[in-house]
């Protein structure tokens, strides 16, 4: 066989991990709707009985996502929310099976200064860990080739080290010999039921 079995690129790998824990009837979150590619994937994954909450602070992104969903007849499965993903608990009050983040800026946007920031990204992950079911998955595609990207990456890695292994397992996937700042992928797997005030301190 010519197909590589060693490595998959970051975005396909993220979808593969999400699909291990989410499926028909699941509740999931697209934390960064962008142009709607991940939202469409999630809407197809959860089926008619499931639901997707998709966040983005840019109306341009949500308009693009909505158009993509309508094109494929998936809009009834998705709630589009123009707000920071850090405010997820304001909109989602039920357990979730999975969540996806695709950090950085909106591709093809006229304003590339609008980027994800460490403070809101970490707050969102922290809140979604509370909502996540045991064995649920959060994937985070991390881009650091743009201004602000390295700072977000470093803050995120520092945050990851505060999570106790009995609460959350975190894996990092990356291609080491690629040029031009390729993204890497973080995957969070919730190991037990907990909320933020029940977490174990990682000393």
N, C-alpha and C. Protein backbone atom coordinates (compact mmCIF):
# COMPACT_ATOMS: atom_id res chain seq x y z
N UNK A 1 0.83 -1.19 0.00
CA UNK A 1 0.00 0.00 0.00
C UNK A 1 0.87 1.25 0.00
N UNK A 2 0.47 2.26 -0.76
CA UNK A 2 1.22 3.50 -0.80
C UNK A 2 0.76 4.50 0.26
N UNK A 3 -0.47 4.32 0.78
CA UNK A 3 -1.00 5.26 1.76
C UNK A 3 -0.23 5.16 3.06
N UNK A 4 0.20 6.32 3.60
CA UNK A 4 0.95 6.33 4.85
C UNK A 4 0.06 5.90 6.00
N UNK A 5 0.56 4.98 6.83
CA UNK A 5 -0.16 4.58 8.04
C UNK A 5 0.50 5.16 9.28
N UNK A 6 1.57 5.94 9.10
CA UNK A 6 2.29 6.47 10.25
C UNK A 6 1.65 7.73 10.80
N UNK A 7 1.35 8.68 9.95
CA UNK A 7 0.87 9.97 10.42
C UNK A 7 -0.27 10.48 9.55
N UNK A 8 -1.22 11.10 10.18
CA UNK A 8 -2.26 11.85 9.48
C UNK A 8 -2.02 13.32 9.76
N UNK A 9 -2.42 14.16 8.85
CA UNK A 9 -2.25 15.58 9.08
C UNK A 9 -3.13 16.02 10.23
N UNK A 10 -2.84 17.20 10.77
CA UNK A 10 -3.44 17.61 12.04
C UNK A 10 -4.97 17.67 11.98
N UNK A 11 -5.54 18.34 10.99
CA UNK A 11 -6.99 18.50 10.99
C UNK A 11 -7.73 17.18 10.80
N UNK A 12 -7.33 16.31 9.87
CA UNK A 12 -7.98 15.00 9.81
C UNK A 12 -7.82 14.20 11.10
N UNK A 13 -6.68 14.33 11.77
CA UNK A 13 -6.48 13.61 13.03
C UNK A 13 -7.44 14.12 14.09
N UNK A 14 -7.67 15.42 14.12
CA UNK A 14 -8.63 15.99 15.07
C UNK A 14 -10.01 15.38 14.86
N UNK A 15 -10.44 15.28 13.62
CA UNK A 15 -11.76 14.72 13.33
C UNK A 15 -11.82 13.24 13.70
N UNK A 16 -10.74 12.52 13.47
CA UNK A 16 -10.72 11.11 13.84
C UNK A 16 -10.88 10.94 15.34
N UNK A 17 -10.21 11.76 16.13
CA UNK A 17 -10.32 11.66 17.58
C UNK A 17 -11.72 12.03 18.05
N UNK A 18 -12.28 13.11 17.48
CA UNK A 18 -13.63 13.51 17.87
C UNK A 18 -14.62 12.39 17.58
N UNK A 19 -14.48 11.76 16.43
CA UNK A 19 -15.42 10.72 16.02
C UNK A 19 -15.34 9.47 16.88
N UNK A 20 -14.28 9.33 17.68
CA UNK A 20 -14.21 8.17 18.57
C UNK A 20 -15.19 8.29 19.72
N UNK A 21 -15.58 9.51 20.09
CA UNK A 21 -16.43 9.71 21.26
C UNK A 21 -17.75 10.40 20.96
N UNK A 22 -17.92 10.93 19.79
CA UNK A 22 -19.17 11.60 19.41
C UNK A 22 -19.76 10.94 18.18
N UNK A 23 -21.09 10.92 18.14
CA UNK A 23 -21.76 10.31 17.00
C UNK A 23 -23.22 10.70 16.99
N UNK A 24 -24.07 9.87 16.45
CA UNK A 24 -25.48 10.18 16.33
C UNK A 24 -26.07 10.47 17.72
N UNK A 25 -26.74 11.61 17.82
CA UNK A 25 -27.38 12.00 19.06
C UNK A 25 -26.51 12.76 20.03
N UNK A 26 -25.25 12.98 19.70
CA UNK A 26 -24.32 13.67 20.61
C UNK A 26 -24.57 15.17 20.64
N UNK A 27 -24.15 15.79 21.73
CA UNK A 27 -24.08 17.24 21.85
C UNK A 27 -22.61 17.63 21.80
N UNK A 28 -22.25 18.52 20.87
CA UNK A 28 -20.85 18.88 20.68
C UNK A 28 -20.73 20.39 20.47
N UNK A 29 -19.50 20.88 20.57
CA UNK A 29 -19.23 22.31 20.42
C UNK A 29 -18.13 22.53 19.39
N UNK A 30 -18.40 23.46 18.47
CA UNK A 30 -17.34 24.01 17.62
C UNK A 30 -17.00 25.36 18.22
N UNK A 31 -15.87 25.43 18.87
CA UNK A 31 -15.50 26.63 19.62
C UNK A 31 -15.03 27.76 18.72
N UNK A 32 -14.71 27.46 17.47
CA UNK A 32 -14.20 28.45 16.53
C UNK A 32 -14.81 28.15 15.16
N UNK A 33 -16.00 28.66 14.91
CA UNK A 33 -16.74 28.27 13.71
C UNK A 33 -15.99 28.59 12.42
N UNK A 34 -15.32 29.74 12.37
CA UNK A 34 -14.56 30.08 11.17
C UNK A 34 -15.43 30.08 9.93
N UNK A 35 -14.99 29.37 8.90
CA UNK A 35 -15.75 29.30 7.66
C UNK A 35 -16.71 28.11 7.61
N UNK A 36 -16.85 27.41 8.74
CA UNK A 36 -17.88 26.40 8.86
C UNK A 36 -17.51 24.98 8.52
N UNK A 37 -16.25 24.73 8.19
CA UNK A 37 -15.87 23.37 7.81
C UNK A 37 -16.02 22.39 8.97
N UNK A 38 -15.52 22.77 10.15
CA UNK A 38 -15.64 21.89 11.31
C UNK A 38 -17.09 21.80 11.76
N UNK A 39 -17.83 22.91 11.68
CA UNK A 39 -19.24 22.89 12.07
C UNK A 39 -20.02 21.92 11.20
N UNK A 40 -19.77 21.94 9.91
CA UNK A 40 -20.43 21.00 8.98
C UNK A 40 -20.07 19.57 9.34
N UNK A 41 -18.81 19.31 9.59
CA UNK A 41 -18.38 17.96 9.97
C UNK A 41 -19.12 17.49 11.22
N UNK A 42 -19.19 18.36 12.23
CA UNK A 42 -19.85 18.00 13.48
C UNK A 42 -21.34 17.78 13.29
N UNK A 43 -21.98 18.63 12.48
CA UNK A 43 -23.41 18.50 12.23
C UNK A 43 -23.72 17.17 11.54
N UNK A 44 -22.88 16.78 10.62
CA UNK A 44 -23.06 15.48 9.96
C UNK A 44 -22.82 14.34 10.95
N UNK A 45 -21.86 14.53 11.83
CA UNK A 45 -21.49 13.48 12.79
C UNK A 45 -22.62 13.20 13.78
N UNK A 46 -23.28 14.25 14.29
CA UNK A 46 -24.27 14.05 15.35
C UNK A 46 -25.64 13.65 14.83
N UNK A 47 -25.88 13.83 13.55
CA UNK A 47 -27.15 13.42 12.96
C UNK A 47 -28.31 14.30 13.38
N UNK A 48 -29.50 13.88 13.01
CA UNK A 48 -30.70 14.68 13.25
C UNK A 48 -31.05 14.77 14.74
N UNK A 49 -30.65 13.78 15.52
CA UNK A 49 -30.98 13.76 16.95
C UNK A 49 -29.94 14.48 17.80
N UNK A 50 -28.81 14.83 17.23
CA UNK A 50 -27.77 15.53 17.98
C UNK A 50 -27.83 17.03 17.79
N UNK A 51 -26.87 17.73 18.40
CA UNK A 51 -26.85 19.19 18.24
C UNK A 51 -25.43 19.73 18.38
N UNK A 52 -25.19 20.79 17.62
CA UNK A 52 -23.89 21.47 17.61
C UNK A 52 -24.09 22.91 18.06
N UNK A 53 -23.26 23.37 18.99
CA UNK A 53 -23.19 24.77 19.35
C UNK A 53 -21.90 25.32 18.74
N UNK A 54 -22.02 26.32 17.87
CA UNK A 54 -20.86 26.86 17.16
C UNK A 54 -20.66 28.32 17.54
N UNK A 55 -19.46 28.64 18.02
CA UNK A 55 -19.13 29.97 18.50
C UNK A 55 -18.18 30.68 17.54
N UNK A 56 -18.38 31.97 17.40
CA UNK A 56 -17.38 32.83 16.77
C UNK A 56 -17.73 34.27 17.12
N UNK A 57 -16.70 35.10 17.30
CA UNK A 57 -16.97 36.50 17.63
C UNK A 57 -17.21 37.34 16.39
N UNK A 58 -16.92 36.80 15.21
CA UNK A 58 -17.05 37.54 13.96
C UNK A 58 -18.32 37.16 13.21
N UNK A 59 -19.13 38.17 12.91
CA UNK A 59 -20.35 37.92 12.13
C UNK A 59 -20.02 37.34 10.76
N UNK A 60 -18.93 37.79 10.19
CA UNK A 60 -18.48 37.27 8.89
C UNK A 60 -18.33 35.76 8.94
N UNK A 61 -17.76 35.26 10.02
CA UNK A 61 -17.55 33.82 10.16
C UNK A 61 -18.87 33.09 10.29
N UNK A 62 -19.77 33.61 11.10
CA UNK A 62 -21.05 32.94 11.30
C UNK A 62 -21.91 32.98 10.04
N UNK A 63 -21.83 34.08 9.30
CA UNK A 63 -22.57 34.14 8.03
C UNK A 63 -22.06 33.08 7.06
N UNK A 64 -20.75 32.92 6.99
CA UNK A 64 -20.15 31.91 6.12
C UNK A 64 -20.54 30.51 6.57
N UNK A 65 -20.51 30.29 7.89
CA UNK A 65 -20.88 28.99 8.43
C UNK A 65 -22.34 28.68 8.15
N UNK A 66 -23.21 29.67 8.35
CA UNK A 66 -24.64 29.47 8.11
C UNK A 66 -24.90 29.11 6.64
N UNK A 67 -24.24 29.81 5.73
CA UNK A 67 -24.42 29.52 4.31
C UNK A 67 -23.98 28.09 3.98
N UNK A 68 -22.90 27.65 4.57
CA UNK A 68 -22.41 26.29 4.32
C UNK A 68 -23.41 25.26 4.85
N UNK A 69 -23.95 25.52 6.03
CA UNK A 69 -24.92 24.59 6.62
C UNK A 69 -26.20 24.52 5.79
N UNK A 70 -26.68 25.68 5.35
CA UNK A 70 -27.90 25.71 4.54
C UNK A 70 -27.70 24.95 3.24
N UNK A 71 -26.53 25.13 2.65
CA UNK A 71 -26.22 24.44 1.39
C UNK A 71 -26.36 22.93 1.52
N UNK A 72 -26.07 22.40 2.71
CA UNK A 72 -26.09 20.96 2.92
C UNK A 72 -27.29 20.51 3.77
N UNK A 73 -28.23 21.43 4.04
CA UNK A 73 -29.42 21.07 4.79
C UNK A 73 -29.17 20.70 6.23
N UNK A 74 -28.19 21.35 6.86
CA UNK A 74 -27.77 20.98 8.21
C UNK A 74 -28.07 22.06 9.25
N UNK A 75 -28.67 23.16 8.84
CA UNK A 75 -28.79 24.32 9.74
C UNK A 75 -29.64 24.04 10.98
N UNK A 76 -30.59 23.10 10.89
CA UNK A 76 -31.45 22.82 12.04
C UNK A 76 -30.71 22.09 13.16
N UNK A 77 -29.53 21.57 12.87
CA UNK A 77 -28.76 20.82 13.87
C UNK A 77 -27.78 21.70 14.63
N UNK A 78 -27.73 22.99 14.28
CA UNK A 78 -26.68 23.86 14.80
C UNK A 78 -27.26 25.14 15.39
N UNK A 79 -26.75 25.54 16.55
CA UNK A 79 -27.00 26.86 17.11
C UNK A 79 -25.75 27.70 16.92
N UNK A 80 -25.88 28.80 16.17
CA UNK A 80 -24.75 29.70 15.93
C UNK A 80 -24.76 30.81 16.97
N UNK A 81 -23.62 31.06 17.58
CA UNK A 81 -23.54 32.00 18.69
C UNK A 81 -22.42 33.01 18.42
N UNK A 82 -22.78 34.29 18.30
CA UNK A 82 -21.78 35.33 18.10
C UNK A 82 -21.35 35.85 19.47
N UNK A 83 -20.36 35.20 20.03
CA UNK A 83 -19.83 35.56 21.34
C UNK A 83 -18.53 34.80 21.52
N UNK A 84 -17.78 35.20 22.54
CA UNK A 84 -16.55 34.48 22.86
C UNK A 84 -16.87 33.08 23.36
N UNK A 85 -16.09 32.12 22.94
CA UNK A 85 -16.26 30.75 23.45
C UNK A 85 -15.99 30.67 24.95
N UNK A 86 -15.34 31.69 25.50
CA UNK A 86 -15.12 31.72 26.94
C UNK A 86 -16.43 31.78 27.71
N UNK A 87 -17.49 32.24 27.05
CA UNK A 87 -18.80 32.37 27.69
C UNK A 87 -19.70 31.17 27.42
N UNK A 88 -19.11 30.03 27.15
CA UNK A 88 -19.86 28.84 26.76
C UNK A 88 -20.93 28.47 27.78
N UNK A 89 -20.65 28.63 29.06
CA UNK A 89 -21.61 28.22 30.10
C UNK A 89 -22.89 29.06 30.06
N UNK A 90 -22.84 30.23 29.43
CA UNK A 90 -24.04 31.06 29.29
C UNK A 90 -25.03 30.43 28.31
N UNK A 91 -24.53 29.64 27.38
CA UNK A 91 -25.36 29.12 26.29
C UNK A 91 -25.58 27.60 26.34
N UNK A 92 -24.65 26.88 26.96
CA UNK A 92 -24.73 25.42 26.98
C UNK A 92 -24.84 24.97 28.43
N UNK A 93 -25.95 24.30 28.74
CA UNK A 93 -26.17 23.88 30.13
C UNK A 93 -26.39 22.38 30.24
N UNK A 94 -25.91 21.64 29.26
CA UNK A 94 -26.04 20.19 29.31
C UNK A 94 -24.70 19.55 29.00
N UNK A 95 -24.50 18.29 29.38
CA UNK A 95 -23.21 17.64 29.13
C UNK A 95 -22.91 17.54 27.64
N UNK A 96 -21.65 17.63 27.30
CA UNK A 96 -21.22 17.52 25.91
C UNK A 96 -20.32 16.30 25.74
N UNK A 97 -20.31 15.80 24.52
CA UNK A 97 -19.49 14.63 24.21
C UNK A 97 -18.12 15.01 23.65
N UNK A 98 -18.04 16.18 23.04
CA UNK A 98 -16.78 16.57 22.39
C UNK A 98 -16.82 18.05 22.06
N UNK A 99 -15.63 18.61 21.82
CA UNK A 99 -15.50 20.00 21.38
C UNK A 99 -14.26 20.12 20.51
N UNK A 100 -14.31 21.07 19.57
CA UNK A 100 -13.18 21.32 18.67
C UNK A 100 -12.81 22.80 18.71
N UNK A 101 -11.50 23.06 18.74
CA UNK A 101 -10.96 24.40 18.60
C UNK A 101 -10.00 24.40 17.41
N UNK A 102 -10.04 25.47 16.64
CA UNK A 102 -9.11 25.68 15.55
C UNK A 102 -8.57 27.10 15.71
N UNK A 103 -7.45 27.23 16.40
CA UNK A 103 -6.97 28.54 16.84
C UNK A 103 -6.38 29.36 15.69
N UNK A 104 -6.15 30.64 15.98
CA UNK A 104 -5.55 31.53 14.99
C UNK A 104 -6.53 32.58 14.52
N UNK A 105 -6.59 32.80 13.20
CA UNK A 105 -7.44 33.83 12.62
C UNK A 105 -8.38 33.21 11.59
N UNK A 106 -9.37 33.98 11.18
CA UNK A 106 -10.33 33.52 10.18
C UNK A 106 -9.66 33.48 8.81
N UNK A 107 -9.55 32.31 8.19
CA UNK A 107 -8.92 32.23 6.86
C UNK A 107 -9.66 33.08 5.84
N UNK A 108 -8.90 33.76 4.99
CA UNK A 108 -9.42 34.59 3.89
C UNK A 108 -10.14 35.85 4.37
N UNK A 109 -10.03 36.15 5.67
CA UNK A 109 -10.66 37.37 6.17
C UNK A 109 -9.86 38.60 5.73
N UNK A 110 -10.56 39.74 5.63
CA UNK A 110 -9.88 41.00 5.30
C UNK A 110 -9.15 41.56 6.51
N UNK A 111 -9.48 41.10 7.71
CA UNK A 111 -8.87 41.61 8.93
C UNK A 111 -8.23 40.46 9.69
N UNK A 112 -6.94 40.23 9.46
CA UNK A 112 -6.24 39.13 10.09
C UNK A 112 -5.73 39.49 11.49
N UNK A 113 -6.09 40.68 11.97
CA UNK A 113 -5.70 41.07 13.32
C UNK A 113 -6.62 40.46 14.37
N UNK A 114 -7.77 39.95 13.93
CA UNK A 114 -8.71 39.31 14.86
C UNK A 114 -8.27 37.85 15.01
N UNK A 115 -7.72 37.53 16.17
CA UNK A 115 -7.17 36.20 16.41
C UNK A 115 -7.70 35.67 17.74
N UNK A 116 -7.58 34.37 17.92
CA UNK A 116 -7.87 33.80 19.23
C UNK A 116 -6.77 34.22 20.20
N UNK A 117 -7.15 34.37 21.45
CA UNK A 117 -6.23 34.84 22.49
C UNK A 117 -6.15 33.83 23.62
N UNK A 118 -4.99 33.77 24.25
CA UNK A 118 -4.76 32.78 25.30
C UNK A 118 -5.79 32.86 26.41
N UNK A 119 -6.11 34.06 26.85
CA UNK A 119 -6.99 34.21 28.00
C UNK A 119 -8.36 33.57 27.74
N UNK A 120 -8.95 33.90 26.58
CA UNK A 120 -10.28 33.37 26.29
C UNK A 120 -10.22 31.90 25.89
N UNK A 121 -9.16 31.49 25.19
CA UNK A 121 -9.03 30.08 24.81
C UNK A 121 -8.94 29.19 26.04
N UNK A 122 -8.11 29.58 27.00
CA UNK A 122 -7.95 28.77 28.21
C UNK A 122 -9.23 28.78 29.04
N UNK A 123 -9.88 29.94 29.14
CA UNK A 123 -11.15 30.00 29.87
C UNK A 123 -12.19 29.10 29.23
N UNK A 124 -12.21 29.05 27.90
CA UNK A 124 -13.18 28.21 27.20
C UNK A 124 -12.90 26.73 27.42
N UNK A 125 -11.64 26.33 27.29
CA UNK A 125 -11.29 24.93 27.52
C UNK A 125 -11.64 24.53 28.94
N UNK A 126 -11.32 25.40 29.89
CA UNK A 126 -11.59 25.12 31.29
C UNK A 126 -13.09 24.91 31.52
N UNK A 127 -13.90 25.78 30.93
CA UNK A 127 -15.36 25.66 31.08
C UNK A 127 -15.89 24.41 30.39
N UNK A 128 -15.33 24.08 29.23
CA UNK A 128 -15.81 22.91 28.50
C UNK A 128 -15.39 21.61 29.17
N UNK A 129 -14.29 21.61 29.89
CA UNK A 129 -13.92 20.43 30.67
C UNK A 129 -14.97 20.13 31.73
N UNK A 130 -15.57 21.18 32.30
CA UNK A 130 -16.65 20.97 33.25
C UNK A 130 -17.86 20.33 32.58
N UNK A 131 -18.18 20.76 31.37
CA UNK A 131 -19.34 20.24 30.64
C UNK A 131 -19.09 18.86 30.04
N UNK A 132 -17.85 18.54 29.79
CA UNK A 132 -17.49 17.32 29.07
C UNK A 132 -17.84 16.07 29.88
N UNK A 133 -18.42 15.08 29.21
CA UNK A 133 -18.70 13.80 29.84
C UNK A 133 -17.40 13.04 30.07
N UNK A 134 -17.41 12.10 31.01
CA UNK A 134 -16.27 11.22 31.20
C UNK A 134 -15.98 10.51 29.87
N UNK A 135 -14.71 10.43 29.51
CA UNK A 135 -14.21 9.85 28.27
C UNK A 135 -14.43 10.76 27.06
N UNK A 136 -15.02 11.95 27.27
CA UNK A 136 -15.20 12.89 26.18
C UNK A 136 -13.88 13.49 25.73
N UNK A 137 -13.89 14.09 24.53
CA UNK A 137 -12.68 14.58 23.88
C UNK A 137 -12.82 16.05 23.51
N UNK A 138 -11.77 16.82 23.77
CA UNK A 138 -11.63 18.18 23.24
C UNK A 138 -10.36 18.20 22.40
N UNK A 139 -10.45 18.67 21.16
CA UNK A 139 -9.26 18.82 20.33
C UNK A 139 -8.99 20.30 20.09
N UNK A 140 -7.72 20.65 20.08
CA UNK A 140 -7.30 22.04 19.88
C UNK A 140 -6.19 22.06 18.84
N UNK A 141 -6.48 22.60 17.66
CA UNK A 141 -5.45 22.78 16.63
C UNK A 141 -4.77 24.11 16.89
N UNK A 142 -3.47 24.07 17.17
CA UNK A 142 -2.71 25.24 17.63
C UNK A 142 -1.82 25.74 16.50
N UNK A 143 -2.03 27.00 16.12
CA UNK A 143 -1.21 27.65 15.09
C UNK A 143 -0.36 28.72 15.76
N UNK A 144 0.93 28.75 15.45
CA UNK A 144 1.80 29.73 16.09
C UNK A 144 2.64 30.52 15.09
N UNK A 145 2.23 30.53 13.82
CA UNK A 145 3.00 31.21 12.79
C UNK A 145 2.56 32.63 12.52
N UNK A 146 1.68 33.18 13.34
CA UNK A 146 1.18 34.54 13.15
C UNK A 146 1.44 35.34 14.42
N UNK A 147 1.44 36.68 14.34
CA UNK A 147 1.63 37.50 15.55
C UNK A 147 0.59 37.14 16.61
N UNK A 148 1.06 36.87 17.81
CA UNK A 148 0.19 36.47 18.91
C UNK A 148 0.10 34.97 19.06
N UNK A 149 0.43 34.23 18.01
CA UNK A 149 0.34 32.78 18.06
C UNK A 149 1.30 32.14 19.06
N UNK A 150 2.58 32.52 19.07
CA UNK A 150 3.50 31.91 20.03
C UNK A 150 3.09 32.17 21.48
N UNK A 151 2.57 33.36 21.75
CA UNK A 151 2.15 33.68 23.12
C UNK A 151 0.97 32.80 23.54
N UNK A 152 0.02 32.61 22.62
CA UNK A 152 -1.12 31.75 22.94
C UNK A 152 -0.65 30.30 23.13
N UNK A 153 0.23 29.84 22.27
CA UNK A 153 0.76 28.47 22.39
C UNK A 153 1.43 28.26 23.74
N UNK A 154 2.30 29.18 24.14
CA UNK A 154 3.04 29.02 25.38
C UNK A 154 2.13 29.05 26.59
N UNK A 155 1.14 29.95 26.58
CA UNK A 155 0.20 30.02 27.69
C UNK A 155 -0.64 28.75 27.77
N UNK A 156 -1.02 28.23 26.62
CA UNK A 156 -1.82 27.01 26.58
C UNK A 156 -1.03 25.82 27.12
N UNK A 157 0.24 25.73 26.75
CA UNK A 157 1.06 24.63 27.25
C UNK A 157 1.29 24.75 28.76
N UNK A 158 1.42 25.96 29.26
CA UNK A 158 1.55 26.15 30.70
C UNK A 158 0.26 25.72 31.41
N UNK A 159 -0.88 26.05 30.82
CA UNK A 159 -2.16 25.65 31.39
C UNK A 159 -2.29 24.13 31.43
N UNK A 160 -1.92 23.47 30.35
CA UNK A 160 -2.03 22.02 30.27
C UNK A 160 -1.28 21.35 31.43
N UNK A 161 -0.14 21.92 31.79
CA UNK A 161 0.66 21.31 32.85
C UNK A 161 0.01 21.46 34.22
N UNK A 162 -1.02 22.29 34.35
CA UNK A 162 -1.73 22.42 35.63
C UNK A 162 -2.80 21.36 35.80
N UNK A 163 -3.11 20.60 34.75
CA UNK A 163 -4.18 19.61 34.81
C UNK A 163 -3.63 18.28 35.33
N UNK A 164 -4.29 17.73 36.33
CA UNK A 164 -3.83 16.48 36.92
C UNK A 164 -4.22 15.30 36.04
N UNK A 165 -3.34 14.33 35.93
CA UNK A 165 -3.57 13.19 35.06
C UNK A 165 -4.78 12.35 35.48
N UNK A 166 -5.17 12.41 36.75
CA UNK A 166 -6.34 11.66 37.17
C UNK A 166 -7.63 12.33 36.69
N UNK A 167 -7.54 13.62 36.35
CA UNK A 167 -8.69 14.36 35.83
C UNK A 167 -8.74 14.33 34.30
N UNK A 168 -7.61 14.64 33.69
CA UNK A 168 -7.55 14.82 32.24
C UNK A 168 -6.24 14.27 31.69
N UNK A 169 -6.33 13.52 30.62
CA UNK A 169 -5.14 13.15 29.87
C UNK A 169 -5.03 14.10 28.68
N UNK A 170 -3.82 14.59 28.43
CA UNK A 170 -3.59 15.52 27.32
C UNK A 170 -2.48 14.96 26.44
N UNK A 171 -2.78 14.83 25.15
CA UNK A 171 -1.78 14.35 24.19
C UNK A 171 -1.46 15.48 23.21
N UNK A 172 -0.22 15.49 22.73
CA UNK A 172 0.20 16.47 21.73
C UNK A 172 0.69 15.72 20.50
N UNK A 173 0.15 16.10 19.36
CA UNK A 173 0.50 15.47 18.08
C UNK A 173 1.09 16.53 17.17
N UNK A 174 2.25 16.27 16.59
CA UNK A 174 2.86 17.23 15.68
C UNK A 174 3.80 16.54 14.70
N UNK A 175 3.96 17.16 13.56
CA UNK A 175 4.94 16.72 12.57
C UNK A 175 6.21 17.54 12.78
N UNK A 176 7.31 16.86 13.08
CA UNK A 176 8.50 17.55 13.57
C UNK A 176 9.40 18.09 12.47
N UNK A 177 9.30 17.59 11.25
CA UNK A 177 10.24 18.00 10.21
C UNK A 177 9.56 18.81 9.10
N UNK A 178 8.47 19.53 9.46
CA UNK A 178 7.74 20.33 8.48
C UNK A 178 8.16 21.80 8.57
N UNK A 179 8.10 22.50 7.46
CA UNK A 179 8.47 23.90 7.41
C UNK A 179 7.23 24.79 7.56
N UNK A 180 7.48 26.08 7.70
CA UNK A 180 6.42 27.10 7.67
C UNK A 180 5.43 26.98 8.81
N UNK A 181 5.93 26.70 10.00
CA UNK A 181 5.10 26.73 11.22
C UNK A 181 3.82 25.91 11.09
N UNK A 182 3.92 24.61 10.84
CA UNK A 182 2.69 23.80 10.75
C UNK A 182 2.00 23.75 12.11
N UNK A 183 0.70 23.56 12.12
CA UNK A 183 -0.01 23.49 13.41
C UNK A 183 0.33 22.20 14.14
N UNK A 184 0.09 22.21 15.44
CA UNK A 184 0.11 20.95 16.17
C UNK A 184 -1.23 20.78 16.86
N UNK A 185 -1.48 19.59 17.33
CA UNK A 185 -2.79 19.24 17.85
C UNK A 185 -2.69 18.80 19.29
N UNK A 186 -3.57 19.36 20.13
CA UNK A 186 -3.73 18.89 21.50
C UNK A 186 -5.06 18.17 21.62
N UNK A 187 -5.07 17.07 22.33
CA UNK A 187 -6.31 16.34 22.60
C UNK A 187 -6.45 16.14 24.10
N UNK A 188 -7.59 16.55 24.64
CA UNK A 188 -7.91 16.41 26.06
C UNK A 188 -8.93 15.29 26.21
N UNK A 189 -8.66 14.32 27.04
CA UNK A 189 -9.61 13.25 27.33
C UNK A 189 -9.96 13.31 28.82
N UNK A 190 -11.23 13.45 29.13
CA UNK A 190 -11.68 13.56 30.52
C UNK A 190 -11.71 12.17 31.15
N UNK A 191 -11.01 12.00 32.26
CA UNK A 191 -10.82 10.69 32.85
C UNK A 191 -11.84 10.36 33.94
N UNK A 192 -12.48 11.35 34.50
CA UNK A 192 -13.50 11.11 35.53
C UNK A 192 -14.46 12.28 35.53
N UNK A 193 -15.62 12.09 36.13
CA UNK A 193 -16.58 13.17 36.24
C UNK A 193 -16.13 14.16 37.29
N UNK A 194 -16.08 15.43 36.95
CA UNK A 194 -15.70 16.47 37.90
C UNK A 194 -16.17 17.82 37.38
N UNK A 195 -16.22 18.78 38.28
CA UNK A 195 -16.35 20.19 37.92
C UNK A 195 -15.12 20.90 38.43
N UNK A 196 -14.98 22.17 38.08
CA UNK A 196 -13.74 22.89 38.36
C UNK A 196 -13.36 22.88 39.83
N UNK A 197 -14.36 22.98 40.72
CA UNK A 197 -14.02 23.02 42.15
C UNK A 197 -13.67 21.64 42.70
N UNK A 198 -13.82 20.59 41.90
CA UNK A 198 -13.50 19.24 42.33
C UNK A 198 -12.17 18.73 41.75
N UNK A 199 -11.50 19.54 40.98
CA UNK A 199 -10.27 19.08 40.33
C UNK A 199 -9.15 18.86 41.35
N UNK A 200 -8.27 17.96 40.98
CA UNK A 200 -7.09 17.66 41.80
C UNK A 200 -5.99 18.65 41.45
N UNK A 201 -5.34 19.19 42.46
CA UNK A 201 -4.23 20.12 42.21
C UNK A 201 -3.04 19.33 41.68
N UNK A 202 -2.42 19.82 40.63
CA UNK A 202 -1.28 19.17 40.00
C UNK A 202 0.01 19.79 40.52
N UNK A 203 0.43 19.36 41.69
CA UNK A 203 1.63 19.95 42.32
C UNK A 203 2.89 19.29 41.78
